[in-house]
Amino acid sequence: MTAYRDQYASLFNEGRNVVVMGIANDPVEDLASWLKDADFPFVFASDAANNGATYTAFGGGLRANNMVDSRAVIVVGPDGRIAGVIPQFRQTDPTAYEELAAIVDKVTPAPEGE
């Protein structure tokens, strides 16, 4: 997720009018601590109390131990609607960032001249 953080400005058009949220079934306290320590500029949602049901509703799969396969990533556009979902974000795959950037660009195009 650090690569994700480090590419934030270019991927998310400086975060302009878009919310990017990762869903995991880690406990809220663990996610909050990780976000703070690593200075992530996006949101993680915990699905721990829901046993992965929220994650699977967005297309993610669960392992035999009910842990998420990988984090689902949801992009919420300026209108407050879900602009796109990546059910299993492959954080080590550079093409995953291209896919994410395309979703963000669809709802928050960069200003002319950029």
PDB file of N, CA and C in Angstrom:
ATOM      1  N   MET A   1       0.813  -1.199   0.000  1.00  0.00           N
ATOM      2  CA  MET A   1       0.000   0.000   0.000  1.00  0.00           C
ATOM      3  C   MET A   1       0.856   1.263   0.000  1.00  0.00           C
ATOM      4  N   THR A   2       2.134   1.123   0.300  1.00  0.00           N
ATOM      5  CA  THR A   2       2.980   2.319   0.276  1.00  0.00           C
ATOM      6  C   THR A   2       3.165   2.820  -1.147  1.00  0.00           C
ATOM      7  N   ALA A   3       3.229   1.911  -2.122  1.00  0.00           N
ATOM      8  CA  ALA A   3       3.327   2.349  -3.517  1.00  0.00           C
ATOM      9  C   ALA A   3       2.076   3.131  -3.897  1.00  0.00           C
ATOM     10  N   TYR A   4       0.946   2.678  -3.421  1.00  0.00           N
ATOM     11  CA  TYR A   4      -0.340   3.324  -3.630  1.00  0.00           C
ATOM     12  C   TYR A   4      -0.297   4.738  -3.045  1.00  0.00           C
ATOM     13  N   ARG A   5       0.192   4.848  -1.828  1.00  0.00           N
ATOM     14  CA  ARG A   5       0.325   6.152  -1.160  1.00  0.00           C
ATOM     15  C   ARG A   5       1.256   7.065  -1.944  1.00  0.00           C
ATOM     16  N   ASP A   6       2.390   6.527  -2.365  1.00  0.00           N
ATOM     17  CA  ASP A   6       3.407   7.333  -3.022  1.00  0.00           C
ATOM     18  C   ASP A   6       2.975   7.832  -4.398  1.00  0.00           C
ATOM     19  N   GLN A   7       2.001   7.177  -4.992  1.00  0.00           N
ATOM     20  CA  GLN A   7       1.495   7.600  -6.303  1.00  0.00           C
ATOM     21  C   GLN A   7       0.201   8.403  -6.198  1.00  0.00           C
ATOM     22  N   TYR A   8      -0.199   8.724  -4.992  1.00  0.00           N
ATOM     23  CA  TYR A   8      -1.489   9.370  -4.748  1.00  0.00           C
ATOM     24  C   TYR A   8      -1.718  10.611  -5.607  1.00  0.00           C
ATOM     25  N   ALA A   9      -0.781  11.536  -5.606  1.00  0.00           N
ATOM     26  CA  ALA A   9      -0.967  12.805  -6.328  1.00  0.00           C
ATOM     27  C   ALA A   9      -1.206  12.583  -7.810  1.00  0.00           C
ATOM     28  N   SER A  10      -0.425  11.709  -8.422  1.00  0.00           N
ATOM     29  CA  SER A  10      -0.593  11.506  -9.857  1.00  0.00           C
ATOM     30  C   SER A  10      -1.807  10.646 -10.175  1.00  0.00           C
ATOM     31  N   LEU A  11      -2.101   9.665  -9.347  1.00  0.00           N
ATOM     32  CA  LEU A  11      -3.242   8.782  -9.615  1.00  0.00           C
ATOM     33  C   LEU A  11      -4.578   9.455  -9.383  1.00  0.00           C
ATOM     34  N   PHE A  12      -4.643  10.256  -8.343  1.00  0.00           N
ATOM     35  CA  PHE A  12      -5.935  10.790  -7.941  1.00  0.00           C
ATOM     36  C   PHE A  12      -6.076  12.269  -8.225  1.00  0.00           C
ATOM     37  N   ASN A  13      -5.317  12.774  -9.190  1.00  0.00           N
ATOM     38  CA  ASN A  13      -5.420  14.188  -9.562  1.00  0.00           C
ATOM     39  C   ASN A  13      -5.367  15.067  -8.323  1.00  0.00           C
ATOM     40  N   GLU A  14      -4.366  14.795  -7.483  1.00  0.00           N
ATOM     41  CA  GLU A  14      -4.145  15.525  -6.224  1.00  0.00           C
ATOM     42  C   GLU A  14      -5.306  15.348  -5.244  1.00  0.00           C
ATOM     43  N   GLY A  15      -6.092  14.270  -5.399  1.00  0.00           N
ATOM     44  CA  GLY A  15      -7.185  14.000  -4.486  1.00  0.00           C
ATOM     45  C   GLY A  15      -8.408  14.867  -4.722  1.00  0.00           C
ATOM     46  N   ARG A  16      -8.462  15.510  -5.847  1.00  0.00           N
ATOM     47  CA  ARG A  16      -9.524  16.456  -6.149  1.00  0.00           C
ATOM     48  C   ARG A  16     -10.892  15.763  -6.253  1.00  0.00           C
ATOM     49  N   ASN A  17     -11.753  16.035  -5.299  1.00  0.00           N
ATOM     50  CA  ASN A  17     -13.156  15.620  -5.340  1.00  0.00           C
ATOM     51  C   ASN A  17     -13.393  14.125  -5.483  1.00  0.00           C
ATOM     52  N   VAL A  18     -12.492  13.318  -4.988  1.00  0.00           N
ATOM     53  CA  VAL A  18     -12.686  11.877  -5.066  1.00  0.00           C
ATOM     54  C   VAL A  18     -12.245  11.269  -3.738  1.00  0.00           C
ATOM     55  N   VAL A  19     -12.930  10.212  -3.352  1.00  0.00           N
ATOM     56  CA  VAL A  19     -12.551   9.476  -2.146  1.00  0.00           C
ATOM     57  C   VAL A  19     -12.194   8.071  -2.588  1.00  0.00           C
ATOM     58  N   VAL A  20     -11.039   7.609  -2.174  1.00  0.00           N
ATOM     59  CA  VAL A  20     -10.615   6.246  -2.463  1.00  0.00           C
ATOM     60  C   VAL A  20     -10.606   5.499  -1.138  1.00  0.00           C
ATOM     61  N   MET A  21     -11.300   4.361  -1.127  1.00  0.00           N
ATOM     62  CA  MET A  21     -11.459   3.615   0.116  1.00  0.00           C
ATOM     63  C   MET A  21     -11.077   2.162  -0.121  1.00  0.00           C
ATOM     64  N   GLY A  22     -10.248   1.633   0.755  1.00  0.00           N
ATOM     65  CA  GLY A  22      -9.926   0.214   0.739  1.00  0.00           C
ATOM     66  C   GLY A  22     -10.736  -0.491   1.807  1.00  0.00           C
ATOM     67  N   ILE A  23     -11.269  -1.660   1.475  1.00  0.00           N
ATOM     68  CA  ILE A  23     -12.031  -2.441   2.458  1.00  0.00           C
ATOM     69  C   ILE A  23     -11.210  -3.674   2.826  1.00  0.00           C
ATOM     70  N   ALA A  24     -11.042  -3.878   4.119  1.00  0.00           N
ATOM     71  CA  ALA A  24     -10.329  -5.049   4.628  1.00  0.00           C
ATOM     72  C   ALA A  24     -11.072  -5.547   5.859  1.00  0.00           C
ATOM     73  N   ASN A  25     -10.787  -6.771   6.273  1.00  0.00           N
ATOM     74  CA  ASN A  25     -11.454  -7.203   7.499  1.00  0.00           C
ATOM     75  C   ASN A  25     -10.508  -7.208   8.688  1.00  0.00           C
ATOM     76  N   ASP A  26      -9.503  -6.331   8.624  1.00  0.00           N
ATOM     77  CA  ASP A  26      -8.661  -6.067   9.782  1.00  0.00           C
ATOM     78  C   ASP A  26      -9.484  -5.259  10.786  1.00  0.00           C
ATOM     79  N   PRO A  27      -9.185  -5.365  12.074  1.00  0.00           N
ATOM     80  CA  PRO A  27      -9.903  -4.570  13.076  1.00  0.00           C
ATOM     81  C   PRO A  27      -9.699  -3.067  12.849  1.00  0.00           C
ATOM     82  N   VAL A  28     -10.698  -2.291  13.225  1.00  0.00           N
ATOM     83  CA  VAL A  28     -10.665  -0.832  13.057  1.00  0.00           C
ATOM     84  C   VAL A  28      -9.394  -0.240  13.664  1.00  0.00           C
ATOM     85  N   GLU A  29      -9.061  -0.671  14.862  1.00  0.00           N
ATOM     86  CA  GLU A  29      -7.893  -0.112  15.554  1.00  0.00           C
ATOM     87  C   GLU A  29      -6.601  -0.370  14.780  1.00  0.00           C
ATOM     88  N   ASP A  30      -6.471  -1.568  14.204  1.00  0.00           N
ATOM     89  CA  ASP A  30      -5.270  -1.896  13.424  1.00  0.00           C
ATOM     90  C   ASP A  30      -5.173  -1.021  12.184  1.00  0.00           C
ATOM     91  N   LEU A  31      -6.289  -0.863  11.489  1.00  0.00           N
ATOM     92  CA  LEU A  31      -6.282  -0.042  10.278  1.00  0.00           C
ATOM     93  C   LEU A  31      -5.987   1.419  10.604  1.00  0.00           C
ATOM     94  N   ALA A  32      -6.590   1.935  11.656  1.00  0.00           N
ATOM     95  CA  ALA A  32      -6.368   3.329  12.049  1.00  0.00           C
ATOM     96  C   ALA A  32      -4.909   3.564  12.399  1.00  0.00           C
ATOM     97  N   SER A  33      -4.314   2.642  13.123  1.00  0.00           N
ATOM     98  CA  SER A  33      -2.913   2.770  13.498  1.00  0.00           C
ATOM     99  C   SER A  33      -2.013   2.721  12.272  1.00  0.00           C
ATOM    100  N   TRP A  34      -2.298   1.806  11.372  1.00  0.00           N
ATOM    101  CA  TRP A  34      -1.510   1.666  10.150  1.00  0.00           C
ATOM    102  C   TRP A  34      -1.620   2.919   9.285  1.00  0.00           C
ATOM    103  N   LEU A  35      -2.838   3.425   9.127  1.00  0.00           N
ATOM    104  CA  LEU A  35      -3.033   4.643   8.330  1.00  0.00           C
ATOM    105  C   LEU A  35      -2.254   5.815   8.911  1.00  0.00           C
ATOM    106  N   LYS A  36      -2.312   5.950  10.225  1.00  0.00           N
ATOM    107  CA  LYS A  36      -1.612   7.057  10.884  1.00  0.00           C
ATOM    108  C   LYS A  36      -0.099   6.901  10.764  1.00  0.00           C
ATOM    109  N   ASP A  37       0.408   5.717  11.071  1.00  0.00           N
ATOM    110  CA  ASP A  37       1.851   5.480  11.051  1.00  0.00           C
ATOM    111  C   ASP A  37       2.451   5.634   9.658  1.00  0.00           C
ATOM    112  N   ALA A  38       1.723   5.196   8.637  1.00  0.00           N
ATOM    113  CA  ALA A  38       2.243   5.229   7.270  1.00  0.00           C
ATOM    114  C   ALA A  38       1.835   6.491   6.524  1.00  0.00           C
ATOM    115  N   ASP A  39       1.035   7.354   7.174  1.00  0.00           N
ATOM    116  CA  ASP A  39       0.603   8.618   6.575  1.00  0.00           C
ATOM    117  C   ASP A  39      -0.101   8.417   5.232  1.00  0.00           C
ATOM    118  N   PHE A  40      -1.056   7.496   5.215  1.00  0.00           N
ATOM    119  CA  PHE A  40      -1.825   7.259   4.002  1.00  0.00           C
ATOM    120  C   PHE A  40      -2.862   8.362   3.809  1.00  0.00           C
ATOM    121  N   PRO A  41      -3.013   8.892   2.595  1.00  0.00           N
ATOM    122  CA  PRO A  41      -3.969   9.967   2.335  1.00  0.00           C
ATOM    123  C   PRO A  41      -5.332   9.472   1.850  1.00  0.00           C
ATOM    124  N   PHE A  42      -5.690   8.255   2.176  1.00  0.00           N
ATOM    125  CA  PHE A  42      -6.969   7.712   1.750  1.00  0.00           C
ATOM    126  C   PHE A  42      -7.595   6.985   2.924  1.00  0.00           C
ATOM    127  N   VAL A  43      -8.704   6.338   2.700  1.00  0.00           N
ATOM    128  CA  VAL A  43      -9.503   5.761   3.773  1.00  0.00           C
ATOM    129  C   VAL A  43      -9.479   4.235   3.693  1.00  0.00           C
ATOM    130  N   PHE A  44      -9.391   3.600   4.852  1.00  0.00           N
ATOM    131  CA  PHE A  44      -9.612   2.161   4.924  1.00  0.00           C
ATOM    132  C   PHE A  44     -10.876   1.936   5.730  1.00  0.00           C
ATOM    133  N   ALA A  45     -11.684   0.997   5.296  1.00  0.00           N
ATOM    134  CA  ALA A  45     -12.889   0.622   6.025  1.00  0.00           C
ATOM    135  C   ALA A  45     -12.703  -0.795   6.547  1.00  0.00           C
ATOM    136  N   SER A  46     -13.053  -1.008   7.799  1.00  0.00           N
ATOM    137  CA  SER A  46     -12.949  -2.326   8.401  1.00  0.00           C
ATOM    138  C   SER A  46     -14.257  -3.087   8.209  1.00  0.00           C
ATOM    139  N   ASP A  47     -14.109  -4.319   7.770  1.00  0.00           N
ATOM    140  CA  ASP A  47     -15.258  -5.200   7.598  1.00  0.00           C
ATOM    141  C   ASP A  47     -15.206  -6.328   8.632  1.00  0.00           C
ATOM    142  N   ALA A  48     -14.400  -6.121   9.679  1.00  0.00           N
ATOM    143  CA  ALA A  48     -14.187  -7.172  10.683  1.00  0.00           C
ATOM    144  C   ALA A  48     -15.480  -7.578  11.379  1.00  0.00           C
ATOM    145  N   ALA A  49     -16.286  -6.610  11.762  1.00  0.00           N
ATOM    146  CA  ALA A  49     -17.519  -6.913  12.495  1.00  0.00           C
ATOM    147  C   ALA A  49     -18.577  -7.543  11.600  1.00  0.00           C
ATOM    148  N   ASN A  50     -18.395  -7.434  10.301  1.00  0.00           N
ATOM    149  CA  ASN A  50     -19.379  -7.930   9.347  1.00  0.00           C
ATOM    150  C   ASN A  50     -18.923  -9.234   8.698  1.00  0.00           C
ATOM    151  N   ASN A  51     -17.827  -9.806   9.197  1.00  0.00           N
ATOM    152  CA  ASN A  51     -17.294 -11.078   8.690  1.00  0.00           C
ATOM    153  C   ASN A  51     -17.081 -11.106   7.178  1.00  0.00           C
ATOM    154  N   GLY A  52     -16.682  -9.984   6.625  1.00  0.00           N
ATOM    155  CA  GLY A  52     -16.369  -9.926   5.200  1.00  0.00           C
ATOM    156  C   GLY A  52     -17.560  -9.725   4.289  1.00  0.00           C
ATOM    157  N   ALA A  53     -18.754  -9.557   4.827  1.00  0.00           N
ATOM    158  CA  ALA A  53     -19.952  -9.443   3.985  1.00  0.00           C
ATOM    159  C   ALA A  53     -19.935  -8.181   3.124  1.00  0.00           C
ATOM    160  N   THR A  54     -19.428  -7.084   3.658  1.00  0.00           N
ATOM    161  CA  THR A  54     -19.352  -5.851   2.871  1.00  0.00           C
ATOM    162  C   THR A  54     -18.371  -6.038   1.729  1.00  0.00           C
ATOM    163  N   TYR A  55     -17.217  -6.607   2.050  1.00  0.00           N
ATOM    164  CA  TYR A  55     -16.186  -6.868   1.049  1.00  0.00           C
ATOM    165  C   TYR A  55     -16.737  -7.750  -0.075  1.00  0.00           C
ATOM    166  N   THR A  56     -17.414  -8.831   0.269  1.00  0.00           N
ATOM    167  CA  THR A  56     -17.936  -9.728  -0.764  1.00  0.00           C
ATOM    168  C   THR A  56     -19.054  -9.059  -1.560  1.00  0.00           C
ATOM    169  N   ALA A  57     -19.792  -8.132  -0.946  1.00  0.00           N
ATOM    170  CA  ALA A  57     -20.837  -7.406  -1.679  1.00  0.00           C
ATOM    171  C   ALA A  57     -20.242  -6.575  -2.812  1.00  0.00           C
ATOM    172  N   PHE A  58     -18.975  -6.169  -2.666  1.00  0.00           N
ATOM    173  CA  PHE A  58     -18.298  -5.413  -3.710  1.00  0.00           C
ATOM    174  C   PHE A  58     -17.493  -6.316  -4.639  1.00  0.00           C
ATOM    175  N   GLY A  59     -17.674  -7.627  -4.538  1.00  0.00           N
ATOM    176  CA  GLY A  59     -17.050  -8.551  -5.468  1.00  0.00           C
ATOM    177  C   GLY A  59     -15.795  -9.232  -4.985  1.00  0.00           C
ATOM    178  N   GLY A  60     -15.361  -8.972  -3.778  1.00  0.00           N
ATOM    179  CA  GLY A  60     -14.158  -9.611  -3.253  1.00  0.00           C
ATOM    180  C   GLY A  60     -14.444 -11.031  -2.792  1.00  0.00           C
ATOM    181  N   GLY A  61     -13.405 -11.822  -2.701  1.00  0.00           N
ATOM    182  CA  GLY A  61     -13.545 -13.196  -2.241  1.00  0.00           C
ATOM    183  C   GLY A  61     -12.889 -13.383  -0.891  1.00  0.00           C
ATOM    184  N   LEU A  62     -13.365 -14.363  -0.155  1.00  0.00           N
ATOM    185  CA  LEU A  62     -12.810 -14.663   1.158  1.00  0.00           C
ATOM    186  C   LEU A  62     -12.023 -15.969   1.114  1.00  0.00           C
ATOM    187  N   ARG A  63     -10.978 -16.034   1.915  1.00  0.00           N
ATOM    188  CA  ARG A  63     -10.221 -17.271   2.088  1.00  0.00           C
ATOM    189  C   ARG A  63     -11.009 -18.204   3.004  1.00  0.00           C
ATOM    190  N   ALA A  64     -10.521 -19.413   3.181  1.00  0.00           N
ATOM    191  CA  ALA A  64     -11.193 -20.390   4.040  1.00  0.00           C
ATOM    192  C   ALA A  64     -11.327 -19.892   5.480  1.00  0.00           C
ATOM    193  N   ASN A  65     -10.401 -19.020   5.926  1.00  0.00           N
ATOM    194  CA  ASN A  65     -10.456 -18.503   7.295  1.00  0.00           C
ATOM    195  C   ASN A  65     -11.274 -17.206   7.396  1.00  0.00           C
ATOM    196  N   ASN A  66     -12.033 -16.879   6.364  1.00  0.00           N
ATOM    197  CA  ASN A  66     -12.882 -15.687   6.276  1.00  0.00           C
ATOM    198  C   ASN A  66     -12.107 -14.371   6.211  1.00  0.00           C
ATOM    199  N   MET A  67     -10.821 -14.428   5.920  1.00  0.00           N
ATOM    200  CA  MET A  67     -10.046 -13.202   5.697  1.00  0.00           C
ATOM    201  C   MET A  67     -10.176 -12.838   4.222  1.00  0.00           C
ATOM    202  N   VAL A  68     -10.090 -11.556   3.935  1.00  0.00           N
ATOM    203  CA  VAL A  68     -10.210 -11.111   2.552  1.00  0.00           C
ATOM    204  C   VAL A  68      -9.010 -11.585   1.745  1.00  0.00           C
ATOM    205  N   ASP A  69      -9.239 -11.841   0.450  1.00  0.00           N
ATOM    206  CA  ASP A  69      -8.146 -12.237  -0.443  1.00  0.00           C
ATOM    207  C   ASP A  69      -7.122 -11.121  -0.549  1.00  0.00           C
ATOM    208  N   SER A  70      -7.584  -9.949  -0.823  1.00  0.00           N
ATOM    209  CA  SER A  70      -6.774  -8.735  -0.867  1.00  0.00           C
ATOM    210  C   SER A  70      -7.755  -7.597  -0.688  1.00  0.00           C
ATOM    211  N   ARG A  71      -7.276  -6.410  -0.490  1.00  0.00           N
ATOM    212  CA  ARG A  71      -8.195  -5.303  -0.240  1.00  0.00           C
ATOM    213  C   ARG A  71      -8.984  -4.938  -1.490  1.00  0.00           C
ATOM    214  N   ALA A  72     -10.251  -4.720  -1.287  1.00  0.00           N
ATOM    215  CA  ALA A  72     -11.077  -4.161  -2.354  1.00  0.00           C
ATOM    216  C   ALA A  72     -10.856  -2.654  -2.320  1.00  0.00           C
ATOM    217  N   VAL A  73     -10.870  -2.019  -3.477  1.00  0.00           N
ATOM    218  CA  VAL A  73     -10.716  -0.574  -3.549  1.00  0.00           C
ATOM    219  C   VAL A  73     -11.951  -0.001  -4.224  1.00  0.00           C
ATOM    220  N   ILE A  74     -12.539   1.001  -3.582  1.00  0.00           N
ATOM    221  CA  ILE A  74     -13.748   1.648  -4.080  1.00  0.00           C
ATOM    222  C   ILE A  74     -13.436   3.118  -4.299  1.00  0.00           C
ATOM    223  N   VAL A  75     -13.851   3.635  -5.443  1.00  0.00           N
ATOM    224  CA  VAL A  75     -13.671   5.052  -5.749  1.00  0.00           C
ATOM    225  C   VAL A  75     -15.038   5.714  -5.699  1.00  0.00           C
ATOM    226  N   VAL A  76     -15.163   6.737  -4.865  1.00  0.00           N
ATOM    227  CA  VAL A  76     -16.401   7.506  -4.755  1.00  0.00           C
ATOM    228  C   VAL A  76     -16.168   8.842  -5.439  1.00  0.00           C
ATOM    229  N   GLY A  77     -17.005   9.146  -6.413  1.00  0.00           N
ATOM    230  CA  GLY A  77     -16.846  10.364  -7.198  1.00  0.00           C
ATOM    231  C   GLY A  77     -17.367  11.598  -6.495  1.00  0.00           C
ATOM    232  N   PRO A  78     -17.187  12.750  -7.134  1.00  0.00           N
ATOM    233  CA  PRO A  78     -17.609  14.024  -6.547  1.00  0.00           C
ATOM    234  C   PRO A  78     -19.108  14.092  -6.255  1.00  0.00           C
ATOM    235  N   ASP A  79     -19.893  13.276  -6.961  1.00  0.00           N
ATOM    236  CA  ASP A  79     -21.343  13.281  -6.749  1.00  0.00           C
ATOM    237  C   ASP A  79     -21.758  12.371  -5.587  1.00  0.00           C
ATOM    238  N   GLY A  80     -20.771  11.731  -4.932  1.00  0.00           N
ATOM    239  CA  GLY A  80     -21.066  10.847  -3.811  1.00  0.00           C
ATOM    240  C   GLY A  80     -21.447   9.443  -4.220  1.00  0.00           C
ATOM    241  N   ARG A  81     -21.408   9.157  -5.499  1.00  0.00           N
ATOM    242  CA  ARG A  81     -21.751   7.815  -5.991  1.00  0.00           C
ATOM    243  C   ARG A  81     -20.489   7.004  -6.241  1.00  0.00           C
ATOM    244  N   ILE A  82     -20.640   5.705  -6.178  1.00  0.00           N
ATOM    245  CA  ILE A  82     -19.509   4.827  -6.455  1.00  0.00           C
ATOM    246  C   ILE A  82     -19.178   4.921  -7.940  1.00  0.00           C
ATOM    247  N   ALA A  83     -17.951   5.338  -8.225  1.00  0.00           N
ATOM    248  CA  ALA A  83     -17.503   5.511  -9.598  1.00  0.00           C
ATOM    249  C   ALA A  83     -16.849   4.244 -10.139  1.00  0.00           C
ATOM    250  N   GLY A  84     -16.335   3.421  -9.246  1.00  0.00           N
ATOM    251  CA  GLY A  84     -15.698   2.189  -9.678  1.00  0.00           C
ATOM    252  C   GLY A  84     -15.271   1.350  -8.504  1.00  0.00           C
ATOM    253  N   VAL A  85     -15.157   0.060  -8.763  1.00  0.00           N
ATOM    254  CA  VAL A  85     -14.746  -0.892  -7.737  1.00  0.00           C
ATOM    255  C   VAL A  85     -13.688  -1.810  -8.332  1.00  0.00           C
ATOM    256  N   ILE A  86     -12.625  -2.012  -7.589  1.00  0.00           N
ATOM    257  CA  ILE A  86     -11.641  -3.033  -7.941  1.00  0.00           C
ATOM    258  C   ILE A  86     -11.730  -4.072  -6.827  1.00  0.00           C
ATOM    259  N   PRO A  87     -12.382  -5.216  -7.104  1.00  0.00           N
ATOM    260  CA  PRO A  87     -12.650  -6.194  -6.050  1.00  0.00           C
ATOM    261  C   PRO A  87     -11.399  -6.727  -5.347  1.00  0.00           C
ATOM    262  N   GLN A  88     -10.323  -6.911  -6.081  1.00  0.00           N
ATOM    263  CA  GLN A  88      -9.096  -7.428  -5.484  1.00  0.00           C
ATOM    264  C   GLN A  88      -7.930  -6.606  -6.007  1.00  0.00           C
ATOM    265  N   PHE A  89      -7.595  -5.564  -5.266  1.00  0.00           N
ATOM    266  CA  PHE A  89      -6.528  -4.666  -5.703  1.00  0.00           C
ATOM    267  C   PHE A  89      -5.179  -5.357  -5.577  1.00  0.00           C
ATOM    268  N   ARG A  90      -4.479  -5.450  -6.685  1.00  0.00           N
ATOM    269  CA  ARG A  90      -3.179  -6.117  -6.747  1.00  0.00           C
ATOM    270  C   ARG A  90      -2.086  -5.070  -6.566  1.00  0.00           C
ATOM    271  N   GLN A  91      -1.756  -4.753  -5.326  1.00  0.00           N
ATOM    272  CA  GLN A  91      -0.878  -3.626  -5.031  1.00  0.00           C
ATOM    273  C   GLN A  91       0.529  -3.759  -5.588  1.00  0.00           C
ATOM    274  N   THR A  92       0.960  -4.951  -5.925  1.00  0.00           N
ATOM    275  CA  THR A  92       2.303  -5.114  -6.482  1.00  0.00           C
ATOM    276  C   THR A  92       2.304  -5.137  -8.007  1.00  0.00           C
ATOM    277  N   ASP A  93       1.142  -5.017  -8.615  1.00  0.00           N
ATOM    278  CA  ASP A  93       1.010  -5.042 -10.071  1.00  0.00           C
ATOM    279  C   ASP A  93       0.844  -3.619 -10.591  1.00  0.00           C
ATOM    280  N   PRO A  94       1.801  -3.115 -11.374  1.00  0.00           N
ATOM    281  CA  PRO A  94       1.703  -1.737 -11.873  1.00  0.00           C
ATOM    282  C   PRO A  94       0.427  -1.464 -12.676  1.00  0.00           C
ATOM    283  N   THR A  95      -0.114  -2.485 -13.349  1.00  0.00           N
ATOM    284  CA  THR A  95      -1.333  -2.254 -14.127  1.00  0.00           C
ATOM    285  C   THR A  95      -2.533  -1.972 -13.230  1.00  0.00           C
ATOM    286  N   ALA A  96      -2.476  -2.407 -11.972  1.00  0.00           N
ATOM    287  CA  ALA A  96      -3.569  -2.118 -11.040  1.00  0.00           C
ATOM    288  C   ALA A  96      -3.696  -0.616 -10.833  1.00  0.00           C
ATOM    289  N   TYR A  97      -2.569   0.079 -10.807  1.00  0.00           N
ATOM    290  CA  TYR A  97      -2.583   1.537 -10.622  1.00  0.00           C
ATOM    291  C   TYR A  97      -3.111   2.239 -11.861  1.00  0.00           C
ATOM    292  N   GLU A  98      -2.843   1.680 -13.030  1.00  0.00           N
ATOM    293  CA  GLU A  98      -3.388   2.232 -14.270  1.00  0.00           C
ATOM    294  C   GLU A  98      -4.908   2.096 -14.282  1.00  0.00           C
ATOM    295  N   GLU A  99      -5.389   0.944 -13.853  1.00  0.00           N
ATOM    296  CA  GLU A  99      -6.836   0.709 -13.766  1.00  0.00           C
ATOM    297  C   GLU A  99      -7.482   1.685 -12.787  1.00  0.00           C
ATOM    298  N   LEU A 100      -6.863   1.874 -11.649  1.00  0.00           N
ATOM    299  CA  LEU A 100      -7.378   2.795 -10.641  1.00  0.00           C
ATOM    300  C   LEU A 100      -7.358   4.230 -11.157  1.00  0.00           C
ATOM    301  N   ALA A 101      -6.270   4.631 -11.787  1.00  0.00           N
ATOM    302  CA  ALA A 101      -6.164   5.990 -12.333  1.00  0.00           C
ATOM    303  C   ALA A 101      -7.233   6.237 -13.391  1.00  0.00           C
ATOM    304  N   ALA A 102      -7.548   5.235 -14.195  1.00  0.00           N
ATOM    305  CA  ALA A 102      -8.575   5.392 -15.226  1.00  0.00           C
ATOM    306  C   ALA A 102      -9.945   5.651 -14.604  1.00  0.00           C
ATOM    307  N   ILE A 103     -10.244   4.981 -13.505  1.00  0.00           N
ATOM    308  CA  ILE A 103     -11.519   5.214 -12.813  1.00  0.00           C
ATOM    309  C   ILE A 103     -11.565   6.642 -12.282  1.00  0.00           C
ATOM    310  N   VAL A 104     -10.492   7.070 -11.630  1.00  0.00           N
ATOM    311  CA  VAL A 104     -10.440   8.416 -11.066  1.00  0.00           C
ATOM    312  C   VAL A 104     -10.535   9.463 -12.173  1.00  0.00           C
ATOM    313  N   ASP A 105      -9.789   9.277 -13.264  1.00  0.00           N
ATOM    314  CA  ASP A 105      -9.807  10.233 -14.370  1.00  0.00           C
ATOM    315  C   ASP A 105     -11.190  10.361 -14.994  1.00  0.00           C
ATOM    316  N   LYS A 106     -11.949   9.268 -14.962  1.00  0.00           N
ATOM    317  CA  LYS A 106     -13.294   9.280 -15.540  1.00  0.00           C
ATOM    318  C   LYS A 106     -14.198  10.280 -14.808  1.00  0.00           C
ATOM    319  N   VAL A 107     -14.017  10.416 -13.495  1.00  0.00           N
ATOM    320  CA  VAL A 107     -14.899  11.277 -12.718  1.00  0.00           C
ATOM    321  C   VAL A 107     -14.255  12.585 -12.286  1.00  0.00           C
ATOM    322  N   THR A 108     -12.939  12.694 -12.342  1.00  0.00           N
ATOM    323  CA  THR A 108     -12.241  13.917 -11.967  1.00  0.00           C
ATOM    324  C   THR A 108     -11.107  14.193 -12.956  1.00  0.00           C
ATOM    325  N   PRO A 109     -11.448  14.573 -14.184  1.00  0.00           N
ATOM    326  CA  PRO A 109     -10.386  14.820 -15.147  1.00  0.00           C
ATOM    327  C   PRO A 109      -9.470  15.956 -14.678  1.00  0.00           C
ATOM    328  N   ALA A 110      -8.210  15.828 -15.046  1.00  0.00           N
ATOM    329  CA  ALA A 110      -7.235  16.866 -14.705  1.00  0.00           C
ATOM    330  C   ALA A 110      -7.606  18.148 -15.428  1.00  0.00           C
ATOM    331  N   PRO A 111      -7.363  19.300 -14.819  1.00  0.00           N
ATOM    332  CA  PRO A 111      -7.657  20.574 -15.492  1.00  0.00           C
ATOM    333  C   PRO A 111      -6.861  20.700 -16.779  1.00  0.00           C
ATOM    334  N   GLU A 112      -7.400  21.454 -17.716  1.00  0.00           N
ATOM    335  CA  GLU A 112      -6.702  21.647 -18.978  1.00  0.00           C
ATOM    336  C   GLU A 112      -5.343  22.258 -18.736  1.00  0.00           C
ATOM    337  N   GLY A 113      -4.375  21.824 -19.537  1.00  0.00           N
ATOM    338  CA  GLY A 113      -3.031  22.329 -19.388  1.00  0.00           C
ATOM    339  C   GLY A 113      -2.153  21.448 -18.534  1.00  0.00           C
ATOM    340  N   GLU A 114      -2.737  20.422 -17.913  1.00  0.00           N
ATOM    341  CA  GLU A 114      -1.931  19.496 -17.092  1.00  0.00           C
ATOM    342  C   GLU A 114      -1.648  18.263 -17.881  1.00  0.00           C
TER     343      GLU A 114
END
